[in-house]
Amino acid sequence: MHISRTCSAVARQALMRAWQVQAPAEPLQLNMVPKPVITASDQVLVRVK
């Protein structure tokens, strides 16, 4: 089995679930996405339980 560099790099990233809108007037979709990196003091990441 061959895993591309991009695929293996994503596999090492922390993932989170996110509800996303894919297109106007479409329902929300629950997707696994890379956890965002906070790069500035005025940014926050909110955890919802």
C-alpha atoms as a PDB file:
ATOM      1  CA  MET A   1       0.000   0.000   0.000  1.00  0.00           C
ATOM      2  CA  HIS A   2       1.301   3.453  -0.921  1.00  0.00           C
ATOM      3  CA  ILE A   3       0.330   6.546   1.087  1.00  0.00           C
ATOM      4  CA  SER A   4       1.070   9.913  -0.460  1.00  0.00           C
ATOM      5  CA  ARG A   5       3.000  12.561   1.473  1.00  0.00           C
ATOM      6  CA  THR A   6      -0.066  14.769   1.584  1.00  0.00           C
ATOM      7  CA  CYS A   7      -2.176  11.968   2.975  1.00  0.00           C
ATOM      8  CA  SER A   8       0.371  11.003   5.620  1.00  0.00           C
ATOM      9  CA  ALA A   9       0.890  14.660   6.599  1.00  0.00           C
ATOM     10  CA  VAL A  10      -2.848  15.049   7.142  1.00  0.00           C
ATOM     11  CA  ALA A  11      -2.894  11.818   9.153  1.00  0.00           C
ATOM     12  CA  ARG A  12      -0.349  13.318  11.577  1.00  0.00           C
ATOM     13  CA  GLN A  13      -2.386  16.498  12.089  1.00  0.00           C
ATOM     14  CA  ALA A  14      -4.869  16.770  14.916  1.00  0.00           C
ATOM     15  CA  LEU A  15      -8.355  16.471  13.485  1.00  0.00           C
ATOM     16  CA  MET A  16     -11.640  17.818  14.737  1.00  0.00           C
ATOM     17  CA  ARG A  17     -15.270  17.511  13.723  1.00  0.00           C
ATOM     18  CA  ALA A  18     -16.797  20.588  12.098  1.00  0.00           C
ATOM     19  CA  TRP A  19     -20.241  21.332  10.742  1.00  0.00           C
ATOM     20  CA  GLN A  20     -19.744  22.912   7.327  1.00  0.00           C
ATOM     21  CA  VAL A  21     -21.867  24.445   4.587  1.00  0.00           C
ATOM     22  CA  GLN A  22     -20.714  23.016   1.252  1.00  0.00           C
ATOM     23  CA  ALA A  23     -23.019  25.063  -0.994  1.00  0.00           C
ATOM     24  CA  PRO A  24     -25.757  27.687  -0.623  1.00  0.00           C
ATOM     25  CA  ALA A  25     -29.145  26.260   0.426  1.00  0.00           C
ATOM     26  CA  GLU A  26     -27.577  22.862   1.249  1.00  0.00           C
ATOM     27  CA  PRO A  27     -27.829  21.284   4.703  1.00  0.00           C
ATOM     28  CA  LEU A  28     -24.875  21.315   7.075  1.00  0.00           C
ATOM     29  CA  GLN A  29     -22.444  18.395   6.797  1.00  0.00           C
ATOM     30  CA  LEU A  30     -20.359  17.002   9.642  1.00  0.00           C
ATOM     31  CA  ASN A  31     -16.752  16.621   8.420  1.00  0.00           C
ATOM     32  CA  MET A  32     -13.368  15.763   9.919  1.00  0.00           C
ATOM     33  CA  VAL A  33     -11.036  18.703   9.300  1.00  0.00           C
ATOM     34  CA  PRO A  34      -7.544  19.675  10.486  1.00  0.00           C
ATOM     35  CA  LYS A  35      -7.615  21.511  13.819  1.00  0.00           C
ATOM     36  CA  PRO A  36      -6.801  25.187  13.159  1.00  0.00           C
ATOM     37  CA  VAL A  37      -3.582  26.633  14.521  1.00  0.00           C
ATOM     38  CA  ILE A  38      -3.874  29.807  16.588  1.00  0.00           C
ATOM     39  CA  THR A  39      -1.293  32.234  15.186  1.00  0.00           C
ATOM     40  CA  ALA A  40      -2.261  35.553  16.789  1.00  0.00           C
ATOM     41  CA  SER A  41      -3.147  36.742  20.277  1.00  0.00           C
ATOM     42  CA  ASP A  42      -6.576  37.958  19.099  1.00  0.00           C
ATOM     43  CA  GLN A  43      -7.685  34.512  17.830  1.00  0.00           C
ATOM     44  CA  VAL A  44      -9.585  31.877  19.804  1.00  0.00           C
ATOM     45  CA  LEU A  45     -10.617  28.275  19.275  1.00  0.00           C
ATOM     46  CA  VAL A  46     -13.917  27.439  20.961  1.00  0.00           C
ATOM     47  CA  ARG A  47     -14.603  23.897  22.151  1.00  0.00           C
ATOM     48  CA  VAL A  48     -18.284  22.912  22.222  1.00  0.00           C
ATOM     49  CA  LYS A  49     -19.456  19.860  24.149  1.00  0.00           C
END
